[in-house]
Amino acid sequence: MIAIIMIHDADHVRQARHWCYTINTTLWLVNVIVYVPAMTALFLALRRSRRAAFVTSLGGILVAYSFAEVHLWRPSIPVWGIWNQNFFKLGVDAISWHILAVTVLVGVGVAMAGAYVSGRQSASSSH
């Protein structure tokens, strides 16, 4: 999850350079929030916490939904600079569309994997 978010962010840097747009410090700081669920899940997994799978699942859902919302419709909280407009209005290229699609699909897959592990943990603890 962390890797695909980083790829997604790198694409935004590429877009900004192409559009001669400067990503300001506030936007960089707000963007850190996107990493919190995945980093928390990783930390919990490294500590072998039973909550890691749930947090992983939740983080995957949040990334899939929020990235789709921001880039296909509009953000609920307009703090994303030029990306307060959706990809349709921005006229992004095929690279950005593919990265967005993969990001959403990875988020869904990570959520499903986390849910599967959570279910297995629940089943094993009930025996």
Protein backbone atom coordinates (compact mmCIF):
# COMPACT_ATOMS: atom_id res chain seq x y z
CA MET A 1 0.00 0.00 0.00
CA ILE A 2 2.79 2.40 0.89
CA ALA A 3 4.55 1.73 -2.42
CA ILE A 4 1.51 2.46 -4.59
CA ILE A 5 0.77 5.65 -2.64
CA MET A 6 4.36 6.74 -3.25
CA ILE A 7 3.99 5.98 -6.97
CA HIS A 8 0.75 7.97 -6.99
CA ASP A 9 2.48 10.90 -5.29
CA ALA A 10 5.39 10.71 -7.73
CA ASP A 11 2.87 10.98 -10.55
CA HIS A 12 1.48 14.15 -8.96
CA VAL A 13 4.99 15.59 -8.87
CA ARG A 14 5.30 14.69 -12.57
CA GLN A 15 1.96 16.36 -13.29
CA ALA A 16 2.92 19.48 -11.32
CA ARG A 17 6.18 19.81 -13.28
CA HIS A 18 4.31 19.42 -16.56
CA TRP A 19 1.77 22.10 -15.54
CA CYS A 20 4.43 24.41 -14.00
CA TYR A 21 2.54 24.11 -10.70
CA THR A 22 4.34 24.40 -7.39
CA ILE A 23 3.20 21.99 -4.68
CA ASN A 24 3.25 24.11 -1.54
CA THR A 25 4.39 23.02 1.91
CA THR A 26 0.85 22.89 3.29
CA LEU A 27 -0.19 20.45 0.59
CA TRP A 28 2.85 18.24 1.30
CA LEU A 29 2.00 18.22 5.02
CA VAL A 30 -1.68 17.41 4.42
CA ASN A 31 -0.61 14.61 2.08
CA VAL A 32 1.24 12.89 4.93
CA ILE A 33 -2.19 11.95 6.33
CA VAL A 34 -2.63 9.53 3.43
CA TYR A 35 0.29 7.45 4.74
CA VAL A 36 -0.93 7.16 8.35
CA PRO A 37 -3.21 4.09 8.00
CA ALA A 38 -0.65 2.08 6.01
CA MET A 39 2.22 3.04 8.29
CA THR A 40 0.11 2.19 11.34
CA ALA A 41 -0.78 -1.19 9.84
CA LEU A 42 2.88 -1.87 9.08
CA PHE A 43 3.91 -0.91 12.62
CA LEU A 44 1.22 -3.19 14.09
CA ALA A 45 2.20 -6.05 11.78
CA LEU A 46 5.85 -5.75 12.78
CA ARG A 47 4.74 -5.94 16.41
CA ARG A 48 2.59 -8.97 15.52
CA SER A 49 -0.53 -7.24 16.79
CA ARG A 50 -3.86 -8.91 16.07
CA ARG A 51 -5.21 -5.48 15.10
CA ALA A 52 -2.81 -5.22 12.14
CA ALA A 53 -5.15 -7.06 9.76
CA PHE A 54 -8.12 -4.86 10.68
CA VAL A 55 -6.10 -1.65 10.31
CA THR A 56 -4.73 -2.94 6.99
CA SER A 57 -8.25 -3.58 5.76
CA LEU A 58 -9.47 -0.19 6.94
CA GLY A 59 -6.51 1.57 5.32
CA GLY A 60 -7.12 -0.18 2.01
CA ILE A 61 -10.77 0.87 1.99
CA LEU A 62 -9.89 4.44 2.91
CA VAL A 63 -7.28 4.73 0.15
CA ALA A 64 -9.50 3.15 -2.52
CA TYR A 65 -12.48 5.33 -1.64
CA SER A 66 -10.68 8.62 -0.98
CA PHE A 67 -8.43 8.45 -4.05
CA ALA A 68 -11.44 7.64 -6.26
CA GLU A 69 -13.47 10.42 -4.65
CA VAL A 70 -10.78 13.07 -5.03
CA HIS A 71 -9.78 12.19 -8.59
CA LEU A 72 -13.08 11.10 -10.14
CA TRP A 73 -15.58 13.42 -8.41
CA ARG A 74 -14.30 16.09 -6.04
CA PRO A 75 -12.65 16.07 -2.62
CA SER A 76 -14.85 16.36 0.47
CA ILE A 77 -12.24 18.67 1.97
CA PRO A 78 -10.71 20.90 -0.71
CA VAL A 79 -7.10 21.01 0.51
CA TRP A 80 -5.45 19.42 -2.52
CA GLY A 81 -4.45 22.50 -4.52
CA ILE A 82 -4.88 22.03 -8.25
CA TRP A 83 -6.16 18.49 -7.56
CA ASN A 84 -9.33 19.95 -6.05
CA GLN A 85 -10.49 19.49 -9.64
CA ASN A 86 -11.09 15.96 -10.85
CA PHE A 87 -8.99 14.18 -13.44
CA PHE A 88 -11.62 14.80 -16.14
CA LYS A 89 -11.37 18.59 -15.74
CA LEU A 90 -7.60 18.48 -15.40
CA GLY A 91 -7.26 16.44 -18.61
CA VAL A 92 -4.62 14.13 -17.16
CA ASP A 93 -2.75 11.69 -19.37
CA ALA A 94 -3.02 7.91 -19.63
CA ILE A 95 -0.18 7.38 -17.16
CA SER A 96 -2.11 9.17 -14.42
CA TRP A 97 -5.32 7.29 -15.24
CA HIS A 98 -3.52 3.95 -15.03
CA ILE A 99 -1.81 4.84 -11.76
CA LEU A 100 -5.14 5.94 -10.28
CA ALA A 101 -6.81 2.70 -11.39
CA VAL A 102 -4.01 0.58 -9.95
CA THR A 103 -4.06 2.58 -6.71
CA VAL A 104 -7.79 2.00 -6.24
CA LEU A 105 -7.47 -1.70 -7.14
CA VAL A 106 -4.54 -2.17 -4.76
CA GLY A 107 -6.55 -0.48 -2.02
CA VAL A 108 -9.44 -2.89 -2.61
CA GLY A 109 -7.08 -5.87 -2.73
CA VAL A 110 -5.33 -4.83 0.48
CA ALA A 111 -8.71 -4.36 2.18
CA MET A 112 -9.77 -7.83 1.07
CA ALA A 113 -6.50 -9.39 2.26
CA GLY A 114 -6.84 -7.67 5.63
CA ALA A 115 -10.43 -8.86 5.96
CA TYR A 116 -9.40 -12.41 5.07
CA VAL A 117 -6.66 -12.45 7.70
CA SER A 118 -9.02 -10.92 10.27
CA GLY A 119 -11.53 -13.67 9.54
CA ARG A 120 -8.89 -16.36 9.86
CA GLN A 121 -7.75 -14.89 13.16
CA SER A 122 -11.32 -14.81 14.46
CA ALA A 123 -11.91 -18.39 13.38
CA SER A 124 -8.70 -19.64 14.98
CA SER A 125 -9.37 -17.83 18.26
CA SER A 126 -12.87 -19.32 18.54
CA HIS A 127 -11.55 -22.92 18.48
